[in-house]
Protein backbone atom coordinates (compact mmCIF):
# COMPACT_ATOMS: atom_id res chain seq x y z
CA MET A 1 0.21 -0.15 0.11
CA ALA A 2 1.37 3.46 -0.92
CA SER A 3 0.85 6.51 1.35
CA ALA A 4 -1.94 9.27 0.64
CA SER A 5 0.79 11.39 0.48
CA GLU A 6 2.41 9.45 -2.75
CA ALA A 7 -1.26 8.68 -4.49
CA PHE A 8 -1.19 12.55 -4.14
CA GLU A 9 1.80 12.89 -5.63
CA LYS A 10 0.87 10.48 -8.53
CA PHE A 11 -1.98 12.88 -8.81
CA SER A 12 -0.06 15.93 -8.96
CA THR A 13 2.10 14.36 -11.67
CA TRP A 14 -1.14 13.07 -13.77
CA SER A 15 -1.96 16.87 -13.41
CA LYS A 16 0.91 18.59 -14.32
CA ASP A 17 1.16 16.09 -17.67
CA LYS A 18 -2.73 16.77 -18.52
CA THR A 19 -2.86 12.93 -18.30
CA TRP A 20 -6.07 11.50 -19.93
CA LEU A 21 -7.68 9.09 -17.22
CA LYS A 22 -9.92 6.50 -17.32
CA VAL A 23 -11.73 5.93 -13.95
CA THR A 24 -13.50 3.04 -12.32
CA VAL A 25 -15.50 3.61 -9.78
CA ILE A 26 -17.04 0.59 -8.62
CA GLU A 27 -19.89 0.28 -5.67
CA ARG A 28 -20.53 -2.52 -3.66
CA GLY A 29 -18.54 -4.93 -5.89
CA GLN A 30 -20.39 -3.86 -8.72
CA PRO A 31 -19.02 -1.41 -11.47
CA GLU A 32 -21.35 1.98 -10.83
CA ASP A 33 -19.46 4.22 -14.43
CA ALA A 34 -16.23 4.43 -16.03
CA LEU A 35 -15.13 7.80 -16.65
CA SER A 36 -12.69 9.86 -19.55
CA VAL A 37 -10.62 12.58 -17.32
CA ARG A 38 -8.29 14.69 -16.52
CA ILE A 39 -7.10 16.09 -12.83
CA CYS A 40 -7.81 19.80 -12.79
CA GLY A 41 -7.60 20.49 -8.93
CA LEU A 42 -6.24 18.68 -5.95
CA ASP A 43 -7.10 19.61 -2.35
CA TRP A 44 -4.92 17.77 -0.11
CA GLU A 45 -5.53 18.88 3.21
CA GLN A 46 -9.58 17.42 2.43
CA SER A 47 -8.51 14.43 0.34
CA LEU A 48 -10.40 15.67 -2.88
CA VAL A 49 -9.42 14.77 -6.32
CA GLY A 50 -10.79 17.11 -8.98
CA VAL A 51 -11.85 16.15 -12.03
CA VAL A 52 -13.01 17.02 -15.90
CA GLY A 53 -13.97 14.82 -17.97
CA LYS A 54 -14.36 14.39 -21.84
CA ALA A 55 -17.93 13.41 -21.61
CA MET A 56 -18.89 15.54 -19.27
CA HIS A 57 -17.71 18.90 -19.47
CA SER A 58 -18.09 19.64 -16.09
CA PHE A 59 -16.16 19.56 -13.40
CA GLY A 60 -16.49 16.80 -10.63
CA GLN A 61 -14.76 15.39 -7.56
CA PHE A 62 -13.41 12.23 -5.65
CA ASP A 63 -13.86 12.78 -1.73
CA VAL A 64 -10.24 10.03 -0.95
CA THR A 65 -10.66 10.26 3.07
CA THR A 66 -9.86 7.36 4.85
CA ALA A 67 -8.84 5.40 1.28
CA GLU A 68 -6.02 3.41 1.41
CA PHE A 69 -4.00 3.58 -1.92
CA SER A 70 -2.20 0.81 -4.63
CA ILE A 71 0.14 2.46 -7.07
CA GLU A 72 1.24 0.48 -10.58
CA PRO A 73 3.10 2.01 -13.44
CA GLY A 74 0.16 4.22 -15.39
CA ARG A 75 -2.07 2.83 -12.84
CA MET A 76 -3.75 3.72 -9.43
CA VAL A 77 -6.62 1.72 -6.85
CA VAL A 78 -8.30 3.68 -4.76
CA SER A 79 -10.61 1.73 -1.98
CA ARG A 80 -12.30 1.63 1.16
CA GLY A 81 -12.71 -1.63 2.70
CA ASP A 82 -14.64 -3.86 0.82
CA VAL A 83 -17.00 -1.53 -1.12
CA GLU A 84 -15.70 1.25 -2.87
CA TRP A 85 -12.73 1.24 -5.40
CA LEU A 86 -11.16 3.70 -8.06
CA ILE A 87 -9.33 2.70 -10.78
CA PHE A 88 -7.14 5.32 -12.57
CA GLU A 89 -5.65 4.22 -15.32
CA GLU A 90 -3.60 5.91 -17.71
CA GLU A 91 -5.52 6.36 -21.36
CA ASP A 92 -2.81 5.49 -24.37
CA SER A 93 -1.95 9.05 -26.47
CA GLU A 94 -4.67 10.24 -28.82
């Protein structure tokens, strides 16, 4: 497991590099949504990750308070227990 500091460093890198990410939202073991987004804002103190998406053309945010982080090359899994997951994966360059 990675620390929140390491996770926010990765989010910051993705933000600076304007990396498109596929984010899969899973709740209670069921995929809820898959979004194509860029990181557009970070609030380390509040544990918030702001995103803007290709399809949504609006701002959204993920609250990662009390989450655990697993960082791999090109991918990060954010989980809260066995019920909620956010899977961030780098998309191929367009």
